[in-house]
Amino acid sequence: MFTVSSAKIDAREGGTFSVFDGHIIGRILELVPDKRIVEAWRVVDWPQGVYSIARFDLEPKETGTQLNFAHIGFPEGLKEHLADGWQLHYWDALKKYFEGH
């Protein structure tokens, strides 16, 4: 694992997940092995029933895999906060994890 917080996932379409000790929760909308993950994704303190969409597309490259990411549909005014969070808690953490392995 690359984070210090807990994560739980039912890795199938329709399965649920939670990360960062339950601070972020959601459901897997689409799961195509080695190609794509699409999630209904929300922070627990967002208004009830408000979900965004996080999409991860994996593309084989000569030296490994390219990850293309999009996050849409989140509450207004959160773009910079969420972008900073993705960078710090996901992308920087993943980079550090892979550099150590």
PDB file of N, CA and C in Angstrom:
ATOM      1  N   MET A   1       0.846  -1.170   0.000  1.00  0.00           N
ATOM      2  CA  MET A   1       0.000   0.000   0.000  1.00  0.00           C
ATOM      3  C   MET A   1       0.894   1.236   0.000  1.00  0.00           C
ATOM      4  N   PHE A   2       0.421   2.279  -0.645  1.00  0.00           N
ATOM      5  CA  PHE A   2       1.228   3.488  -0.749  1.00  0.00           C
ATOM      6  C   PHE A   2       0.742   4.629   0.138  1.00  0.00           C
ATOM      7  N   THR A   3      -0.306   4.410   0.924  1.00  0.00           N
ATOM      8  CA  THR A   3      -0.775   5.454   1.827  1.00  0.00           C
ATOM      9  C   THR A   3      -0.631   4.982   3.271  1.00  0.00           C
ATOM     10  N   VAL A   4      -0.709   5.916   4.185  1.00  0.00           N
ATOM     11  CA  VAL A   4      -0.645   5.560   5.608  1.00  0.00           C
ATOM     12  C   VAL A   4      -2.039   5.390   6.191  1.00  0.00           C
ATOM     13  N   SER A   5      -3.075   5.694   5.422  1.00  0.00           N
ATOM     14  CA  SER A   5      -4.459   5.564   5.868  1.00  0.00           C
ATOM     15  C   SER A   5      -5.054   4.274   5.328  1.00  0.00           C
ATOM     16  N   SER A   6      -6.156   3.857   5.915  1.00  0.00           N
ATOM     17  CA  SER A   6      -6.775   2.616   5.478  1.00  0.00           C
ATOM     18  C   SER A   6      -7.506   2.800   4.154  1.00  0.00           C
ATOM     19  N   ALA A   7      -7.607   1.711   3.422  1.00  0.00           N
ATOM     20  CA  ALA A   7      -8.354   1.682   2.168  1.00  0.00           C
ATOM     21  C   ALA A   7      -9.061   0.337   2.086  1.00  0.00           C
ATOM     22  N   LYS A   8     -10.300   0.347   1.635  1.00  0.00           N
ATOM     23  CA  LYS A   8     -11.071  -0.878   1.438  1.00  0.00           C
ATOM     24  C   LYS A   8     -11.707  -0.801   0.062  1.00  0.00           C
ATOM     25  N   ILE A   9     -11.687  -1.921  -0.671  1.00  0.00           N
ATOM     26  CA  ILE A   9     -12.279  -1.925  -1.998  1.00  0.00           C
ATOM     27  C   ILE A   9     -12.851  -3.292  -2.309  1.00  0.00           C
ATOM     28  N   ASP A  10     -14.043  -3.282  -2.858  1.00  0.00           N
ATOM     29  CA  ASP A  10     -14.670  -4.476  -3.422  1.00  0.00           C
ATOM     30  C   ASP A  10     -14.452  -4.346  -4.926  1.00  0.00           C
ATOM     31  N   ALA A  11     -13.355  -4.920  -5.412  1.00  0.00           N
ATOM     32  CA  ALA A  11     -12.842  -4.682  -6.761  1.00  0.00           C
ATOM     33  C   ALA A  11     -13.662  -5.395  -7.840  1.00  0.00           C
ATOM     34  N   ARG A  12     -14.877  -4.900  -8.035  1.00  0.00           N
ATOM     35  CA  ARG A  12     -15.755  -5.412  -9.096  1.00  0.00           C
ATOM     36  C   ARG A  12     -16.720  -4.285  -9.473  1.00  0.00           C
ATOM     37  N   GLU A  13     -17.269  -4.346 -10.671  1.00  0.00           N
ATOM     38  CA  GLU A  13     -18.264  -3.355 -11.048  1.00  0.00           C
ATOM     39  C   GLU A  13     -19.419  -3.412 -10.058  1.00  0.00           C
ATOM     40  N   GLY A  14     -19.817  -2.267  -9.560  1.00  0.00           N
ATOM     41  CA  GLY A  14     -20.859  -2.193  -8.540  1.00  0.00           C
ATOM     42  C   GLY A  14     -20.324  -2.262  -7.129  1.00  0.00           C
ATOM     43  N   GLY A  15     -19.053  -2.623  -6.980  1.00  0.00           N
ATOM     44  CA  GLY A  15     -18.440  -2.716  -5.664  1.00  0.00           C
ATOM     45  C   GLY A  15     -18.207  -1.343  -5.056  1.00  0.00           C
ATOM     46  N   THR A  16     -18.114  -1.300  -3.748  1.00  0.00           N
ATOM     47  CA  THR A  16     -17.881  -0.045  -3.047  1.00  0.00           C
ATOM     48  C   THR A  16     -16.417   0.073  -2.636  1.00  0.00           C
ATOM     49  N   PHE A  17     -16.013   1.297  -2.318  1.00  0.00           N
ATOM     50  CA  PHE A  17     -14.664   1.525  -1.814  1.00  0.00           C
ATOM     51  C   PHE A  17     -14.689   2.656  -0.804  1.00  0.00           C
ATOM     52  N   SER A  18     -13.671   2.679   0.031  1.00  0.00           N
ATOM     53  CA  SER A  18     -13.425   3.812   0.921  1.00  0.00           C
ATOM     54  C   SER A  18     -11.921   3.943   1.057  1.00  0.00           C
ATOM     55  N   VAL A  19     -11.461   5.185   1.121  1.00  0.00           N
ATOM     56  CA  VAL A  19     -10.034   5.457   1.292  1.00  0.00           C
ATOM     57  C   VAL A  19      -9.858   6.553   2.329  1.00  0.00           C
ATOM     58  N   PHE A  20      -8.635   6.659   2.814  1.00  0.00           N
ATOM     59  CA  PHE A  20      -8.292   7.662   3.811  1.00  0.00           C
ATOM     60  C   PHE A  20      -9.206   7.563   5.029  1.00  0.00           C
ATOM     61  N   ASP A  21      -9.241   6.332   5.565  1.00  0.00           N
ATOM     62  CA  ASP A  21     -10.006   6.039   6.778  1.00  0.00           C
ATOM     63  C   ASP A  21     -11.482   6.406   6.635  1.00  0.00           C
ATOM     64  N   GLY A  22     -12.032   6.199   5.438  1.00  0.00           N
ATOM     65  CA  GLY A  22     -13.451   6.441   5.192  1.00  0.00           C
ATOM     66  C   GLY A  22     -13.800   7.871   4.843  1.00  0.00           C
ATOM     67  N   HIS A  23     -12.796   8.730   4.656  1.00  0.00           N
ATOM     68  CA  HIS A  23     -13.067  10.131   4.310  1.00  0.00           C
ATOM     69  C   HIS A  23     -13.575  10.275   2.870  1.00  0.00           C
ATOM     70  N   ILE A  24     -13.140   9.372   1.997  1.00  0.00           N
ATOM     71  CA  ILE A  24     -13.604   9.346   0.606  1.00  0.00           C
ATOM     72  C   ILE A  24     -14.247   7.990   0.381  1.00  0.00           C
ATOM     73  N   ILE A  25     -15.454   8.009  -0.201  1.00  0.00           N
ATOM     74  CA  ILE A  25     -16.194   6.771  -0.442  1.00  0.00           C
ATOM     75  C   ILE A  25     -16.745   6.784  -1.860  1.00  0.00           C
ATOM     76  N   GLY A  26     -17.162   5.619  -2.317  1.00  0.00           N
ATOM     77  CA  GLY A  26     -17.762   5.569  -3.638  1.00  0.00           C
ATOM     78  C   GLY A  26     -18.092   4.165  -4.084  1.00  0.00           C
ATOM     79  N   ARG A  27     -18.386   4.100  -5.380  1.00  0.00           N
ATOM     80  CA  ARG A  27     -18.778   2.847  -6.013  1.00  0.00           C
ATOM     81  C   ARG A  27     -18.070   2.748  -7.358  1.00  0.00           C
ATOM     82  N   ILE A  28     -17.679   1.542  -7.730  1.00  0.00           N
ATOM     83  CA  ILE A  28     -17.035   1.317  -9.023  1.00  0.00           C
ATOM     84  C   ILE A  28     -18.122   1.166 -10.082  1.00  0.00           C
ATOM     85  N   LEU A  29     -18.130   2.090 -11.030  1.00  0.00           N
ATOM     86  CA  LEU A  29     -19.131   2.073 -12.091  1.00  0.00           C
ATOM     87  C   LEU A  29     -18.709   1.214 -13.269  1.00  0.00           C
ATOM     88  N   GLU A  30     -17.422   1.226 -13.564  1.00  0.00           N
ATOM     89  CA  GLU A  30     -16.903   0.446 -14.686  1.00  0.00           C
ATOM     90  C   GLU A  30     -15.516  -0.044 -14.331  1.00  0.00           C
ATOM     91  N   LEU A  31     -15.246  -1.304 -14.650  1.00  0.00           N
ATOM     92  CA  LEU A  31     -13.945  -1.900 -14.371  1.00  0.00           C
ATOM     93  C   LEU A  31     -13.576  -2.795 -15.546  1.00  0.00           C
ATOM     94  N   VAL A  32     -12.602  -2.349 -16.317  1.00  0.00           N
ATOM     95  CA  VAL A  32     -12.105  -3.107 -17.463  1.00  0.00           C
ATOM     96  C   VAL A  32     -10.646  -3.424 -17.158  1.00  0.00           C
ATOM     97  N   PRO A  33     -10.342  -4.680 -16.811  1.00  0.00           N
ATOM     98  CA  PRO A  33      -8.976  -5.023 -16.402  1.00  0.00           C
ATOM     99  C   PRO A  33      -7.928  -4.524 -17.396  1.00  0.00           C
ATOM    100  N   ASP A  34      -6.894  -3.933 -16.847  1.00  0.00           N
ATOM    101  CA  ASP A  34      -5.752  -3.415 -17.611  1.00  0.00           C
ATOM    102  C   ASP A  34      -6.107  -2.267 -18.541  1.00  0.00           C
ATOM    103  N   LYS A  35      -7.323  -1.695 -18.426  1.00  0.00           N
ATOM    104  CA  LYS A  35      -7.715  -0.620 -19.337  1.00  0.00           C
ATOM    105  C   LYS A  35      -8.357   0.578 -18.635  1.00  0.00           C
ATOM    106  N   ARG A  36      -9.358   0.338 -17.759  1.00  0.00           N
ATOM    107  CA  ARG A  36     -10.134   1.470 -17.264  1.00  0.00           C
ATOM    108  C   ARG A  36     -10.795   1.173 -15.928  1.00  0.00           C
ATOM    109  N   ILE A  37     -10.857   2.220 -15.091  1.00  0.00           N
ATOM    110  CA  ILE A  37     -11.636   2.217 -13.855  1.00  0.00           C
ATOM    111  C   ILE A  37     -12.425   3.528 -13.838  1.00  0.00           C
ATOM    112  N   VAL A  38     -13.731   3.430 -13.633  1.00  0.00           N
ATOM    113  CA  VAL A  38     -14.566   4.619 -13.495  1.00  0.00           C
ATOM    114  C   VAL A  38     -15.294   4.498 -12.164  1.00  0.00           C
ATOM    115  N   GLU A  39     -15.203   5.562 -11.354  1.00  0.00           N
ATOM    116  CA  GLU A  39     -15.778   5.537 -10.012  1.00  0.00           C
ATOM    117  C   GLU A  39     -16.747   6.694  -9.797  1.00  0.00           C
ATOM    118  N   ALA A  40     -17.827   6.418  -9.072  1.00  0.00           N
ATOM    119  CA  ALA A  40     -18.632   7.473  -8.458  1.00  0.00           C
ATOM    120  C   ALA A  40     -17.922   7.753  -7.142  1.00  0.00           C
ATOM    121  N   TRP A  41     -17.465   8.979  -6.947  1.00  0.00           N
ATOM    122  CA  TRP A  41     -16.476   9.310  -5.919  1.00  0.00           C
ATOM    123  C   TRP A  41     -16.956  10.519  -5.135  1.00  0.00           C
ATOM    124  N   ARG A  42     -16.863  10.462  -3.803  1.00  0.00           N
ATOM    125  CA  ARG A  42     -17.287  11.620  -3.001  1.00  0.00           C
ATOM    126  C   ARG A  42     -16.536  11.694  -1.686  1.00  0.00           C
ATOM    127  N   VAL A  43     -16.416  12.911  -1.205  1.00  0.00           N
ATOM    128  CA  VAL A  43     -15.900  13.160   0.138  1.00  0.00           C
ATOM    129  C   VAL A  43     -17.114  13.125   1.064  1.00  0.00           C
ATOM    130  N   VAL A  44     -16.982  12.501   2.228  1.00  0.00           N
ATOM    131  CA  VAL A  44     -18.140  12.274   3.094  1.00  0.00           C
ATOM    132  C   VAL A  44     -18.811  13.548   3.594  1.00  0.00           C
ATOM    133  N   ASP A  45     -18.106  14.674   3.610  1.00  0.00           N
ATOM    134  CA  ASP A  45     -18.747  15.901   4.076  1.00  0.00           C
ATOM    135  C   ASP A  45     -19.389  16.719   2.949  1.00  0.00           C
ATOM    136  N   TRP A  46     -19.415  16.179   1.725  1.00  0.00           N
ATOM    137  CA  TRP A  46     -20.176  16.811   0.659  1.00  0.00           C
ATOM    138  C   TRP A  46     -21.665  16.637   0.963  1.00  0.00           C
ATOM    139  N   PRO A  47     -22.520  17.458   0.351  1.00  0.00           N
ATOM    140  CA  PRO A  47     -23.962  17.274   0.563  1.00  0.00           C
ATOM    141  C   PRO A  47     -24.412  15.850   0.229  1.00  0.00           C
ATOM    142  N   GLN A  48     -25.357  15.349   0.970  1.00  0.00           N
ATOM    143  CA  GLN A  48     -25.871  13.986   0.786  1.00  0.00           C
ATOM    144  C   GLN A  48     -26.232  13.743  -0.679  1.00  0.00           C
ATOM    145  N   GLY A  49     -25.782  12.631  -1.213  1.00  0.00           N
ATOM    146  CA  GLY A  49     -26.123  12.232  -2.580  1.00  0.00           C
ATOM    147  C   GLY A  49     -25.277  12.854  -3.666  1.00  0.00           C
ATOM    148  N   VAL A  50     -24.349  13.731  -3.338  1.00  0.00           N
ATOM    149  CA  VAL A  50     -23.497  14.373  -4.344  1.00  0.00           C
ATOM    150  C   VAL A  50     -22.267  13.511  -4.586  1.00  0.00           C
ATOM    151  N   TYR A  51     -22.126  13.063  -5.825  1.00  0.00           N
ATOM    152  CA  TYR A  51     -20.980  12.260  -6.255  1.00  0.00           C
ATOM    153  C   TYR A  51     -20.339  12.908  -7.469  1.00  0.00           C
ATOM    154  N   SER A  52     -19.042  12.751  -7.594  1.00  0.00           N
ATOM    155  CA  SER A  52     -18.323  13.145  -8.792  1.00  0.00           C
ATOM    156  C   SER A  52     -17.939  11.862  -9.535  1.00  0.00           C
ATOM    157  N   ILE A  53     -17.306  12.015 -10.678  1.00  0.00           N
ATOM    158  CA  ILE A  53     -16.838  10.872 -11.457  1.00  0.00           C
ATOM    159  C   ILE A  53     -15.323  10.962 -11.589  1.00  0.00           C
ATOM    160  N   ALA A  54     -14.639   9.907 -11.171  1.00  0.00           N
ATOM    161  CA  ALA A  54     -13.189   9.789 -11.343  1.00  0.00           C
ATOM    162  C   ALA A  54     -12.943   8.674 -12.350  1.00  0.00           C
ATOM    163  N   ARG A  55     -12.159   8.992 -13.378  1.00  0.00           N
ATOM    164  CA  ARG A  55     -11.893   8.018 -14.443  1.00  0.00           C
ATOM    165  C   ARG A  55     -10.386   7.845 -14.601  1.00  0.00           C
ATOM    166  N   PHE A  56      -9.961   6.590 -14.591  1.00  0.00           N
ATOM    167  CA  PHE A  56      -8.558   6.224 -14.754  1.00  0.00           C
ATOM    168  C   PHE A  56      -8.465   5.343 -16.004  1.00  0.00           C
ATOM    169  N   ASP A  57      -7.761   5.817 -17.029  1.00  0.00           N
ATOM    170  CA  ASP A  57      -7.539   5.030 -18.240  1.00  0.00           C
ATOM    171  C   ASP A  57      -6.073   4.646 -18.295  1.00  0.00           C
ATOM    172  N   LEU A  58      -5.811   3.370 -18.517  1.00  0.00           N
ATOM    173  CA  LEU A  58      -4.450   2.842 -18.579  1.00  0.00           C
ATOM    174  C   LEU A  58      -4.107   2.535 -20.028  1.00  0.00           C
ATOM    175  N   GLU A  59      -2.939   3.022 -20.456  1.00  0.00           N
ATOM    176  CA  GLU A  59      -2.510   2.834 -21.836  1.00  0.00           C
ATOM    177  C   GLU A  59      -1.094   2.269 -21.849  1.00  0.00           C
ATOM    178  N   PRO A  60      -0.914   1.074 -22.447  1.00  0.00           N
ATOM    179  CA  PRO A  60       0.433   0.497 -22.511  1.00  0.00           C
ATOM    180  C   PRO A  60       1.386   1.404 -23.290  1.00  0.00           C
ATOM    181  N   LYS A  61       2.580   1.527 -22.786  1.00  0.00           N
ATOM    182  CA  LYS A  61       3.654   2.272 -23.441  1.00  0.00           C
ATOM    183  C   LYS A  61       4.885   1.387 -23.462  1.00  0.00           C
ATOM    184  N   GLU A  62       5.851   1.735 -24.299  1.00  0.00           N
ATOM    185  CA  GLU A  62       7.070   0.921 -24.419  1.00  0.00           C
ATOM    186  C   GLU A  62       7.745   0.674 -23.078  1.00  0.00           C
ATOM    187  N   THR A  63       7.770   1.685 -22.230  1.00  0.00           N
ATOM    188  CA  THR A  63       8.501   1.557 -20.968  1.00  0.00           C
ATOM    189  C   THR A  63       7.605   1.265 -19.778  1.00  0.00           C
ATOM    190  N   GLY A  64       6.308   1.043 -20.002  1.00  0.00           N
ATOM    191  CA  GLY A  64       5.410   0.780 -18.887  1.00  0.00           C
ATOM    192  C   GLY A  64       3.976   1.093 -19.245  1.00  0.00           C
ATOM    193  N   THR A  65       3.323   1.847 -18.402  1.00  0.00           N
ATOM    194  CA  THR A  65       1.908   2.176 -18.588  1.00  0.00           C
ATOM    195  C   THR A  65       1.697   3.655 -18.336  1.00  0.00           C
ATOM    196  N   GLN A  66       0.928   4.288 -19.207  1.00  0.00           N
ATOM    197  CA  GLN A  66       0.541   5.689 -19.002  1.00  0.00           C
ATOM    198  C   GLN A  66      -0.844   5.715 -18.373  1.00  0.00           C
ATOM    199  N   LEU A  67      -0.985   6.515 -17.330  1.00  0.00           N
ATOM    200  CA  LEU A  67      -2.267   6.692 -16.659  1.00  0.00           C
ATOM    201  C   LEU A  67      -2.850   8.030 -17.094  1.00  0.00           C
ATOM    202  N   ASN A  68      -4.041   7.992 -17.673  1.00  0.00           N
ATOM    203  CA  ASN A  68      -4.784   9.202 -18.020  1.00  0.00           C
ATOM    204  C   ASN A  68      -5.923   9.313 -17.022  1.00  0.00           C
ATOM    205  N   PHE A  69      -6.044  10.481 -16.398  1.00  0.00           N
ATOM    206  CA  PHE A  69      -6.975  10.658 -15.300  1.00  0.00           C
ATOM    207  C   PHE A  69      -7.870  11.860 -15.549  1.00  0.00           C
ATOM    208  N   ALA A  70      -9.148  11.717 -15.207  1.00  0.00           N
ATOM    209  CA  ALA A  70     -10.087  12.837 -15.262  1.00  0.00           C
ATOM    210  C   ALA A  70     -10.995  12.755 -14.036  1.00  0.00           C
ATOM    211  N   HIS A  71     -11.285  13.912 -13.459  1.00  0.00           N
ATOM    212  CA  HIS A  71     -12.189  13.989 -12.310  1.00  0.00           C
ATOM    213  C   HIS A  71     -13.171  15.119 -12.601  1.00  0.00           C
ATOM    214  N   ILE A  72     -14.448  14.784 -12.717  1.00  0.00           N
ATOM    215  CA  ILE A  72     -15.457  15.773 -13.094  1.00  0.00           C
ATOM    216  C   ILE A  72     -16.663  15.677 -12.162  1.00  0.00           C
ATOM    217  N   GLY A  73     -17.481  16.732 -12.176  1.00  0.00           N
ATOM    218  CA  GLY A  73     -18.757  16.699 -11.475  1.00  0.00           C
ATOM    219  C   GLY A  73     -18.704  16.963  -9.985  1.00  0.00           C
ATOM    220  N   PHE A  74     -17.607  17.481  -9.485  1.00  0.00           N
ATOM    221  CA  PHE A  74     -17.497  17.766  -8.056  1.00  0.00           C
ATOM    222  C   PHE A  74     -18.125  19.131  -7.756  1.00  0.00           C
ATOM    223  N   PRO A  75     -18.445  19.392  -6.496  1.00  0.00           N
ATOM    224  CA  PRO A  75     -19.062  20.665  -6.140  1.00  0.00           C
ATOM    225  C   PRO A  75     -18.221  21.876  -6.563  1.00  0.00           C
ATOM    226  N   GLU A  76     -18.886  22.928  -6.942  1.00  0.00           N
ATOM    227  CA  GLU A  76     -18.235  24.160  -7.388  1.00  0.00           C
ATOM    228  C   GLU A  76     -17.299  24.702  -6.312  1.00  0.00           C
ATOM    229  N   GLY A  77     -16.176  25.219  -6.754  1.00  0.00           N
ATOM    230  CA  GLY A  77     -15.210  25.823  -5.846  1.00  0.00           C
ATOM    231  C   GLY A  77     -14.180  24.863  -5.288  1.00  0.00           C
ATOM    232  N   LEU A  78     -14.254  23.580  -5.648  1.00  0.00           N
ATOM    233  CA  LEU A  78     -13.324  22.588  -5.083  1.00  0.00           C
ATOM    234  C   LEU A  78     -12.219  22.150  -6.040  1.00  0.00           C
ATOM    235  N   LYS A  79     -12.186  22.702  -7.246  1.00  0.00           N
ATOM    236  CA  LYS A  79     -11.229  22.237  -8.253  1.00  0.00           C
ATOM    237  C   LYS A  79      -9.787  22.275  -7.756  1.00  0.00           C
ATOM    238  N   GLU A  80      -9.336  23.417  -7.252  1.00  0.00           N
ATOM    239  CA  GLU A  80      -7.948  23.529  -6.797  1.00  0.00           C
ATOM    240  C   GLU A  80      -7.677  22.648  -5.582  1.00  0.00           C
ATOM    241  N   HIS A  81      -8.605  22.624  -4.639  1.00  0.00           N
ATOM    242  CA  HIS A  81      -8.444  21.788  -3.448  1.00  0.00           C
ATOM    243  C   HIS A  81      -8.309  20.313  -3.837  1.00  0.00           C
ATOM    244  N   LEU A  82      -9.182  19.849  -4.720  1.00  0.00           N
ATOM    245  CA  LEU A  82      -9.129  18.446  -5.143  1.00  0.00           C
ATOM    246  C   LEU A  82      -7.875  18.157  -5.956  1.00  0.00           C
ATOM    247  N   ALA A  83      -7.490  19.074  -6.837  1.00  0.00           N
ATOM    248  CA  ALA A  83      -6.270  18.879  -7.624  1.00  0.00           C
ATOM    249  C   ALA A  83      -5.054  18.759  -6.703  1.00  0.00           C
ATOM    250  N   ASP A  84      -4.984  19.614  -5.690  1.00  0.00           N
ATOM    251  CA  ASP A  84      -3.889  19.532  -4.721  1.00  0.00           C
ATOM    252  C   ASP A  84      -3.924  18.202  -3.972  1.00  0.00           C
ATOM    253  N   GLY A  85      -5.125  17.767  -3.591  1.00  0.00           N
ATOM    254  CA  GLY A  85      -5.265  16.494  -2.877  1.00  0.00           C
ATOM    255  C   GLY A  85      -4.852  15.304  -3.718  1.00  0.00           C
ATOM    256  N   TRP A  86      -5.294  15.278  -4.977  1.00  0.00           N
ATOM    257  CA  TRP A  86      -4.878  14.187  -5.873  1.00  0.00           C
ATOM    258  C   TRP A  86      -3.350  14.171  -6.001  1.00  0.00           C
ATOM    259  N   GLN A  87      -2.754  15.347  -6.196  1.00  0.00           N
ATOM    260  CA  GLN A  87      -1.301  15.409  -6.362  1.00  0.00           C
ATOM    261  C   GLN A  87      -0.580  14.891  -5.119  1.00  0.00           C
ATOM    262  N   LEU A  88      -0.940  15.409  -3.974  1.00  0.00           N
ATOM    263  CA  LEU A  88      -0.251  15.050  -2.726  1.00  0.00           C
ATOM    264  C   LEU A  88      -0.515  13.618  -2.288  1.00  0.00           C
ATOM    265  N   HIS A  89      -1.784  13.249  -2.249  1.00  0.00           N
ATOM    266  CA  HIS A  89      -2.156  11.969  -1.634  1.00  0.00           C
ATOM    267  C   HIS A  89      -2.162  10.785  -2.593  1.00  0.00           C
ATOM    268  N   TYR A  90      -2.172  11.037  -3.887  1.00  0.00           N
ATOM    269  CA  TYR A  90      -2.171   9.941  -4.861  1.00  0.00           C
ATOM    270  C   TYR A  90      -0.901   9.960  -5.705  1.00  0.00           C
ATOM    271  N   TRP A  91      -0.735  11.002  -6.532  1.00  0.00           N
ATOM    272  CA  TRP A  91       0.346  10.965  -7.520  1.00  0.00           C
ATOM    273  C   TRP A  91       1.719  11.024  -6.866  1.00  0.00           C
ATOM    274  N   ASP A  92       1.949  11.941  -5.931  1.00  0.00           N
ATOM    275  CA  ASP A  92       3.243  11.997  -5.246  1.00  0.00           C
ATOM    276  C   ASP A  92       3.485  10.735  -4.430  1.00  0.00           C
ATOM    277  N   ALA A  93       2.441  10.232  -3.764  1.00  0.00           N
ATOM    278  CA  ALA A  93       2.581   9.016  -2.963  1.00  0.00           C
ATOM    279  C   ALA A  93       2.879   7.806  -3.842  1.00  0.00           C
ATOM    280  N   LEU A  94       2.219   7.707  -4.990  1.00  0.00           N
ATOM    281  CA  LEU A  94       2.502   6.598  -5.917  1.00  0.00           C
ATOM    282  C   LEU A  94       3.924   6.680  -6.460  1.00  0.00           C
ATOM    283  N   LYS A  95       4.343   7.872  -6.820  1.00  0.00           N
ATOM    284  CA  LYS A  95       5.707   8.039  -7.333  1.00  0.00           C
ATOM    285  C   LYS A  95       6.717   7.577  -6.295  1.00  0.00           C
ATOM    286  N   LYS A  96       6.539   8.022  -5.067  1.00  0.00           N
ATOM    287  CA  LYS A  96       7.442   7.627  -3.987  1.00  0.00           C
ATOM    288  C   LYS A  96       7.407   6.107  -3.779  1.00  0.00           C
ATOM    289  N   TYR A  97       6.225   5.523  -3.819  1.00  0.00           N
ATOM    290  CA  TYR A  97       6.087   4.076  -3.654  1.00  0.00           C
ATOM    291  C   TYR A  97       6.857   3.323  -4.743  1.00  0.00           C
ATOM    292  N   PHE A  98       6.657   3.704  -6.004  1.00  0.00           N
ATOM    293  CA  PHE A  98       7.301   3.009  -7.096  1.00  0.00           C
ATOM    294  C   PHE A  98       8.810   3.244  -7.143  1.00  0.00           C
ATOM    295  N   GLU A  99       9.263   4.387  -6.698  1.00  0.00           N
ATOM    296  CA  GLU A  99      10.700   4.638  -6.631  1.00  0.00           C
ATOM    297  C   GLU A  99      11.376   3.736  -5.607  1.00  0.00           C
ATOM    298  N   GLY A 100      10.635   3.312  -4.590  1.00  0.00           N
ATOM    299  CA  GLY A 100      11.182   2.430  -3.562  1.00  0.00           C
ATOM    300  C   GLY A 100      11.085   0.951  -3.893  1.00  0.00           C
ATOM    301  N   HIS A 101      10.426   0.621  -5.015  1.00  0.00           N
ATOM    302  CA  HIS A 101      10.258  -0.794  -5.377  1.00  0.00           C
ATOM    303  C   HIS A 101      10.873  -1.125  -6.701  1.00  0.00           C
TER     304      HIS A 101
END
